[in-house]
Amino acid sequence: MNGRLTPRFPAHALTLAAALVLAFSPALAAPPKDRTAPTTPTSLTVTGTTAYSVSFAWGASTDNSGSFSYRIVNRTWGTDAVIPRTQTTFTWVASNLHPQQAYSFQIYAVDAANNWSKPSNTVSATLPPDSTTPQAPQLSLTDSGPTHLSLAWTTQDDDPTPTYLVFLNGTVLRSGSSVASIIVPLLAPETTYTFTVQARDDGGHWSPVSAPLTATTDASDPNDRTPPTTPAALWGGVVENCEVIFYWSASSDDVTPAQFIRYDVFVNGQYIDSTTLGYNQVDEYGIVDGSNRFEIVAVDEAGNAAAPVAATVDLIGCVTP
């Protein structure tokens, strides 16, 4: 013993002291938030237009972080395009740019902390008329099954989003869509179908009709004898008078993909409709005043039918006096 007393501190006191030192240590304090906006882009100008595009140039911005991008804003539509900071030119091709329409634009610089510069000057552009006719679409078969065929196509035109008429055996199958592909369901196994497509641009020009694509659905699997599961639930009810809407949970099958399971709709034993491609709802009408029993039957691509799921509702106004 040297006659000195050694102080003793509880372990929890030492832990608390260490935490306080860490909490108030200047070296570990969070860095200050970046609140400095980039400088404003200068001299925004329109350098060119087509029927569906606008080209721009501007003076570069700077920022203290060195990390920022540009946002060109279409003030007419409220949409924007993001451009890397390394660019000071840009050509905007967009589905909301239309021939012979006027638009106004501004550009901002935005840094990684989401600080926005002040807007540049505003520029305006009126797009010229569309004078180009789309080329005839080129069709290809992308998938097939016993009850469906899938197609895709390409076409060349200055309109980035032309719309298409799709024909099945000479009859319009789909119109007004800008999606250059389609899945055609509810077909018969081992049956041949002919498809053509025609494109229309926003200037009102129609392409020539495509060369016909002839495709044959596959044979059903002769070894598939298991029906899909019965939908686990059917819910919905009367919309008004004779109209009903029903929803059901999707069925599954050991061979047929879920989107190609067909759902047949019956009322009082009479077939009235079918749906597929994952559409698990129907808006239908009864066939008699009074009790109408709606049944939904899941059917796979081999034709195996599940037990129905059913609901009965009382309806009025189904029969014309």
Protein backbone atom coordinates (compact mmCIF):
# COMPACT_ATOMS: atom_id res chain seq x y z
CA MET A 1 0.00 0.00 0.00
CA ASN A 2 1.32 3.39 -0.90
CA GLY A 3 -1.33 5.22 1.06
CA ARG A 4 -3.11 6.57 -2.04
CA LEU A 5 -6.78 5.88 -2.72
CA THR A 6 -7.71 4.73 -6.25
CA PRO A 7 -11.15 6.08 -7.30
CA ARG A 8 -13.57 3.49 -8.66
CA PHE A 9 -16.40 4.39 -11.12
CA PRO A 10 -19.34 2.19 -12.06
CA ALA A 11 -19.12 0.69 -15.57
CA HIS A 12 -22.30 2.42 -16.71
CA ALA A 13 -20.87 5.81 -15.77
CA LEU A 14 -17.80 5.22 -17.93
CA THR A 15 -20.04 4.18 -20.86
CA LEU A 16 -22.13 7.34 -20.50
CA ALA A 17 -19.04 9.53 -20.38
CA ALA A 18 -17.67 7.95 -23.57
CA ALA A 19 -21.01 8.50 -25.33
CA LEU A 20 -21.04 12.16 -24.33
CA VAL A 21 -17.51 12.65 -25.65
CA LEU A 22 -18.50 11.08 -28.99
CA ALA A 23 -21.72 13.08 -29.21
CA PHE A 24 -19.99 16.41 -28.72
CA SER A 25 -16.77 15.70 -30.58
CA PRO A 26 -16.37 18.31 -33.37
CA ALA A 27 -14.49 15.79 -35.50
CA LEU A 28 -17.58 13.52 -35.69
CA ALA A 29 -20.23 16.18 -36.26
CA ALA A 30 -22.40 15.77 -39.40
CA PRO A 31 -21.19 17.86 -42.34
CA PRO A 32 -23.33 20.91 -43.09
CA LYS A 33 -26.01 20.47 -45.74
CA ASP A 34 -25.24 21.87 -49.18
CA ARG A 35 -27.58 24.80 -49.63
CA THR A 36 -25.80 26.50 -52.53
CA ALA A 37 -27.64 26.27 -55.84
CA PRO A 38 -25.79 25.99 -59.14
CA THR A 39 -25.43 29.10 -61.25
CA THR A 40 -28.19 29.76 -63.75
CA PRO A 41 -27.76 28.35 -67.28
CA THR A 42 -27.47 31.23 -69.72
CA SER A 43 -28.59 32.05 -73.24
CA LEU A 44 -30.97 29.15 -73.85
CA THR A 45 -31.66 29.05 -77.58
CA VAL A 46 -33.61 26.82 -79.96
CA THR A 47 -31.19 25.60 -82.63
CA GLY A 48 -33.57 23.48 -84.68
CA THR A 49 -36.97 21.82 -84.89
CA THR A 50 -38.66 18.92 -86.65
CA ALA A 51 -42.30 17.91 -86.53
CA TYR A 52 -41.59 15.93 -83.33
CA SER A 53 -38.42 17.40 -81.79
CA VAL A 54 -36.73 20.56 -80.54
CA SER A 55 -32.96 21.09 -80.34
CA PHE A 56 -31.38 23.42 -77.75
CA ALA A 57 -28.07 25.01 -76.78
CA TRP A 58 -27.17 27.00 -73.63
CA GLY A 59 -24.31 28.42 -71.59
CA ALA A 60 -22.92 26.11 -68.91
CA SER A 61 -23.62 26.34 -65.19
CA THR A 62 -21.18 25.78 -62.33
CA ASP A 63 -21.71 24.43 -58.82
CA ASN A 64 -19.63 24.21 -55.66
CA SER A 65 -20.23 20.44 -55.48
CA GLY A 66 -19.17 19.77 -59.05
CA SER A 67 -22.10 17.35 -59.33
CA PHE A 68 -25.23 18.56 -61.05
CA SER A 69 -27.47 18.00 -64.07
CA TYR A 70 -29.70 20.12 -66.26
CA ARG A 71 -33.49 19.98 -66.45
CA ILE A 72 -35.18 21.33 -69.54
CA VAL A 73 -38.82 22.01 -68.73
CA ASN A 74 -41.61 22.08 -71.29
CA ARG A 75 -43.65 24.86 -69.72
CA THR A 76 -46.61 24.09 -71.98
CA TRP A 77 -47.00 20.52 -70.70
CA GLY A 78 -45.16 20.63 -67.36
CA THR A 79 -42.81 17.80 -68.33
CA ASP A 80 -39.02 17.81 -68.18
CA ALA A 81 -35.93 16.06 -69.52
CA VAL A 82 -32.70 15.42 -67.58
CA ILE A 83 -29.36 16.15 -69.29
CA PRO A 84 -25.87 15.41 -67.91
CA ARG A 85 -23.79 18.42 -66.80
CA THR A 86 -21.22 17.61 -69.47
CA GLN A 87 -23.70 18.62 -72.21
CA THR A 88 -24.76 22.08 -73.28
CA THR A 89 -26.79 20.91 -76.28
CA PHE A 90 -29.76 18.56 -76.42
CA THR A 91 -32.41 17.36 -78.87
CA TRP A 92 -35.72 16.55 -77.20
CA VAL A 93 -37.88 13.96 -78.96
CA ALA A 94 -41.03 13.30 -76.95
CA SER A 95 -44.53 11.88 -77.32
CA ASN A 96 -46.02 15.21 -76.20
CA LEU A 97 -44.37 17.21 -78.98
CA HIS A 98 -46.75 17.49 -81.93
CA PRO A 99 -46.57 19.03 -85.41
CA GLN A 100 -47.73 22.64 -85.83
CA GLN A 101 -47.99 23.18 -82.06
CA ALA A 102 -46.28 25.96 -80.07
CA TYR A 103 -44.28 25.26 -76.90
CA SER A 104 -42.20 27.25 -74.41
CA PHE A 105 -39.13 25.99 -72.54
CA GLN A 106 -36.75 26.90 -69.71
CA ILE A 107 -33.67 25.17 -68.34
CA TYR A 108 -32.44 24.77 -64.75
CA ALA A 109 -29.31 23.32 -63.17
CA VAL A 110 -29.96 20.97 -60.24
CA ASP A 111 -27.25 19.64 -57.94
CA ALA A 112 -27.08 16.37 -55.99
CA ALA A 113 -28.57 18.05 -52.90
CA ASN A 114 -31.61 19.05 -55.01
CA ASN A 115 -30.75 22.72 -55.06
CA TRP A 116 -32.29 24.26 -58.18
CA SER A 117 -30.78 27.21 -59.95
CA LYS A 118 -32.93 30.09 -61.08
CA PRO A 119 -34.61 29.44 -64.43
CA SER A 120 -32.94 30.48 -67.64
CA ASN A 121 -34.59 32.73 -70.16
CA THR A 122 -37.74 31.32 -71.78
CA VAL A 123 -37.65 30.24 -75.43
CA SER A 124 -40.50 29.27 -77.70
CA ALA A 125 -40.79 26.98 -80.71
CA THR A 126 -43.56 26.13 -83.15
CA LEU A 127 -43.01 22.74 -84.76
CA PRO A 128 -43.34 22.40 -88.54
CA PRO A 129 -45.92 20.17 -90.25
CA ASP A 130 -45.30 16.45 -90.56
CA SER A 131 -44.57 15.67 -94.21
CA THR A 132 -43.29 12.10 -93.82
CA THR A 133 -45.33 8.92 -94.33
CA PRO A 134 -44.52 5.95 -92.08
CA GLN A 135 -43.02 2.90 -93.72
CA ALA A 136 -44.99 -0.33 -93.77
CA PRO A 137 -44.54 -2.17 -90.44
CA GLN A 138 -42.38 -5.30 -90.38
CA LEU A 139 -44.10 -8.08 -88.38
CA SER A 140 -42.61 -11.01 -86.49
CA LEU A 141 -44.05 -13.80 -84.35
CA THR A 142 -42.56 -13.68 -80.84
CA ASP A 143 -44.47 -16.44 -79.03
CA SER A 144 -47.17 -19.03 -79.57
CA GLY A 145 -49.29 -21.45 -77.58
CA PRO A 146 -52.41 -23.53 -78.04
CA THR A 147 -54.72 -20.55 -77.48
CA HIS A 148 -52.56 -17.48 -78.13
CA LEU A 149 -50.13 -15.86 -80.55
CA SER A 150 -47.79 -12.95 -79.76
CA LEU A 151 -46.60 -10.48 -82.39
CA ALA A 152 -44.25 -7.49 -82.52
CA TRP A 153 -43.38 -5.07 -85.30
CA THR A 154 -41.20 -2.14 -86.25
CA THR A 155 -41.76 0.83 -88.52
CA GLN A 156 -39.70 3.83 -89.60
CA ASP A 157 -41.13 7.34 -89.18
CA ASP A 158 -40.21 10.71 -87.68
CA ASP A 159 -43.14 10.35 -85.26
CA PRO A 160 -41.66 8.50 -82.23
CA THR A 161 -45.07 7.11 -81.20
CA PRO A 162 -47.28 6.36 -84.20
CA THR A 163 -50.50 4.47 -83.55
CA TYR A 164 -51.40 1.18 -85.16
CA LEU A 165 -54.30 -0.68 -86.68
CA VAL A 166 -53.95 -4.43 -86.15
CA PHE A 167 -55.99 -6.75 -88.37
CA LEU A 168 -56.83 -10.41 -87.73
CA ASN A 169 -58.01 -12.23 -90.85
CA GLY A 170 -58.87 -8.86 -92.39
CA THR A 171 -60.93 -7.59 -89.43
CA VAL A 172 -59.71 -4.83 -87.09
CA LEU A 173 -58.44 -6.41 -83.89
CA ARG A 174 -56.99 -3.33 -82.17
CA SER A 175 -56.79 0.36 -83.01
CA GLY A 176 -55.44 3.56 -81.50
CA SER A 177 -52.57 2.01 -79.52
CA SER A 178 -48.94 3.11 -79.88
CA VAL A 179 -47.65 -0.19 -78.45
CA ALA A 180 -45.82 -2.08 -81.20
CA SER A 181 -46.71 -5.55 -79.97
CA ILE A 182 -49.79 -7.58 -79.12
CA ILE A 183 -50.78 -10.84 -77.47
CA VAL A 184 -53.83 -12.32 -79.16
CA PRO A 185 -55.65 -14.74 -76.82
CA LEU A 186 -58.78 -16.89 -77.01
CA LEU A 187 -57.65 -18.63 -80.18
CA ALA A 188 -58.25 -22.26 -81.17
CA PRO A 189 -55.43 -24.84 -81.04
CA GLU A 190 -53.77 -25.89 -84.30
CA THR A 191 -55.49 -23.09 -86.22
CA THR A 192 -53.90 -20.71 -88.73
CA TYR A 193 -54.45 -16.95 -88.52
CA THR A 194 -53.30 -14.05 -90.70
CA PHE A 195 -52.26 -10.66 -89.30
CA THR A 196 -51.48 -7.30 -90.88
CA VAL A 197 -50.62 -3.94 -89.32
CA GLN A 198 -50.88 -0.34 -90.54
CA ALA A 199 -49.22 2.68 -88.90
CA ARG A 200 -50.61 6.21 -88.61
CA ASP A 201 -48.52 9.20 -87.52
CA ASP A 202 -49.68 12.34 -85.72
CA GLY A 203 -49.70 14.19 -89.02
CA GLY A 204 -52.48 11.94 -90.28
CA HIS A 205 -50.33 9.93 -92.69
CA TRP A 206 -51.07 6.21 -93.08
CA SER A 207 -48.36 3.72 -93.89
CA PRO A 208 -48.89 0.99 -96.45
CA VAL A 209 -50.39 -2.16 -94.93
CA SER A 210 -47.71 -4.57 -93.79
CA ALA A 211 -46.98 -7.82 -95.55
CA PRO A 212 -49.25 -10.52 -94.08
CA LEU A 213 -47.92 -12.65 -91.24
CA THR A 214 -49.47 -16.10 -91.12
CA ALA A 215 -49.07 -18.08 -87.89
CA THR A 216 -50.53 -21.29 -86.47
CA THR A 217 -51.31 -21.95 -82.82
CA ASP A 218 -49.69 -24.93 -81.13
CA ALA A 219 -51.38 -28.24 -80.43
CA SER A 220 -52.75 -28.75 -76.92
CA ASP A 221 -50.70 -30.95 -74.63
CA PRO A 222 -52.33 -34.41 -74.90
CA ASN A 223 -50.86 -35.38 -71.54
CA ASP A 224 -52.34 -32.42 -69.69
CA ARG A 225 -55.48 -33.69 -67.99
CA THR A 226 -55.38 -31.59 -64.84
CA PRO A 227 -57.73 -28.59 -64.71
CA PRO A 228 -56.72 -25.24 -63.19
CA THR A 229 -57.59 -24.48 -59.61
CA THR A 230 -61.01 -22.98 -58.98
CA PRO A 231 -60.80 -19.25 -58.19
CA ALA A 232 -60.72 -19.02 -54.41
CA ALA A 233 -63.15 -16.12 -54.16
CA LEU A 234 -65.80 -14.29 -56.15
CA TRP A 235 -66.93 -10.90 -54.97
CA GLY A 236 -68.78 -7.87 -56.29
CA GLY A 237 -72.46 -7.40 -56.96
CA VAL A 238 -75.09 -5.19 -58.52
CA VAL A 239 -74.04 -1.92 -60.14
CA GLU A 240 -77.61 -0.93 -60.96
CA ASN A 241 -80.75 -2.64 -62.24
CA CYS A 242 -79.52 -5.48 -64.49
CA GLU A 243 -75.79 -4.68 -64.45
CA VAL A 244 -73.27 -6.45 -62.22
CA ILE A 245 -69.52 -6.38 -61.74
CA PHE A 246 -67.60 -9.35 -60.36
CA TYR A 247 -63.98 -9.94 -59.39
CA TRP A 248 -62.24 -13.22 -58.58
CA SER A 249 -58.87 -14.46 -57.43
CA ALA A 250 -56.62 -15.88 -60.15
CA SER A 251 -56.43 -19.60 -60.81
CA SER A 252 -53.21 -21.52 -61.30
CA ASP A 253 -52.34 -24.49 -63.49
CA ASP A 254 -49.54 -27.03 -63.70
CA VAL A 255 -48.93 -26.37 -67.43
CA THR A 256 -50.69 -23.22 -68.64
CA PRO A 257 -49.15 -19.88 -67.54
CA ALA A 258 -51.53 -17.83 -65.39
CA GLN A 259 -52.06 -15.12 -68.02
CA PHE A 260 -53.29 -17.67 -70.55
CA ILE A 261 -55.87 -19.34 -68.29
CA ARG A 262 -59.27 -18.54 -69.78
CA TYR A 263 -62.25 -17.60 -67.64
CA ASP A 264 -65.65 -18.42 -69.11
CA VAL A 265 -68.66 -16.56 -67.73
CA PHE A 266 -72.09 -18.22 -67.54
CA VAL A 267 -75.45 -16.86 -66.37
CA ASN A 268 -78.07 -19.42 -65.42
CA GLY A 269 -76.06 -21.98 -67.40
CA GLN A 270 -75.81 -19.83 -70.54
CA TYR A 271 -72.36 -18.84 -71.80
CA ILE A 272 -72.03 -15.05 -72.22
CA ASP A 273 -68.34 -14.05 -72.18
CA SER A 274 -64.67 -15.01 -71.73
CA THR A 275 -61.61 -13.23 -70.43
CA THR A 276 -57.91 -14.03 -70.21
CA LEU A 277 -54.47 -12.33 -69.97
CA GLY A 278 -54.94 -11.88 -66.23
CA TYR A 279 -58.24 -9.98 -66.47
CA ASN A 280 -59.95 -11.31 -63.37
CA GLN A 281 -63.07 -9.17 -63.52
CA VAL A 282 -66.15 -8.72 -65.68
CA ASP A 283 -68.89 -6.13 -66.08
CA GLU A 284 -71.92 -8.05 -67.30
CA TYR A 285 -75.72 -8.07 -67.45
CA GLY A 286 -78.23 -10.61 -66.24
CA ILE A 287 -80.49 -12.44 -68.64
CA VAL A 288 -83.73 -12.61 -66.62
CA ASP A 289 -85.58 -10.44 -64.13
CA GLY A 290 -85.13 -11.98 -60.71
CA SER A 291 -82.52 -14.60 -59.79
CA ASN A 292 -79.35 -14.73 -61.95
CA ARG A 293 -76.62 -17.22 -61.09
CA PHE A 294 -73.20 -16.08 -62.37
CA GLU A 295 -70.51 -18.74 -62.71
CA ILE A 296 -66.82 -18.27 -63.50
CA VAL A 297 -65.06 -21.32 -64.94
CA ALA A 298 -61.24 -21.42 -65.31
CA VAL A 299 -60.06 -23.31 -68.42
CA ASP A 300 -56.44 -24.13 -69.30
CA GLU A 301 -54.89 -24.24 -72.79
CA ALA A 302 -55.59 -27.97 -73.02
CA GLY A 303 -59.30 -27.32 -72.49
CA ASN A 304 -59.46 -28.69 -68.93
CA ALA A 305 -62.17 -26.86 -66.98
CA ALA A 306 -62.17 -26.28 -63.23
CA ALA A 307 -65.22 -26.44 -61.02
CA PRO A 308 -67.04 -23.08 -61.17
CA VAL A 309 -67.11 -20.39 -58.55
CA ALA A 310 -70.59 -18.84 -58.41
CA ALA A 311 -72.72 -16.05 -57.01
CA THR A 312 -76.48 -15.43 -57.29
CA VAL A 313 -78.02 -11.95 -57.44
CA ASP A 314 -81.54 -10.62 -57.95
CA LEU A 315 -81.81 -8.18 -60.85
CA ILE A 316 -84.46 -6.04 -62.47
CA GLY A 317 -84.81 -4.51 -65.92
CA CYS A 318 -83.11 -7.43 -67.73
CA VAL A 319 -86.15 -8.20 -69.86
CA THR A 320 -87.66 -5.53 -72.10
CA PRO A 321 -91.40 -5.22 -71.47
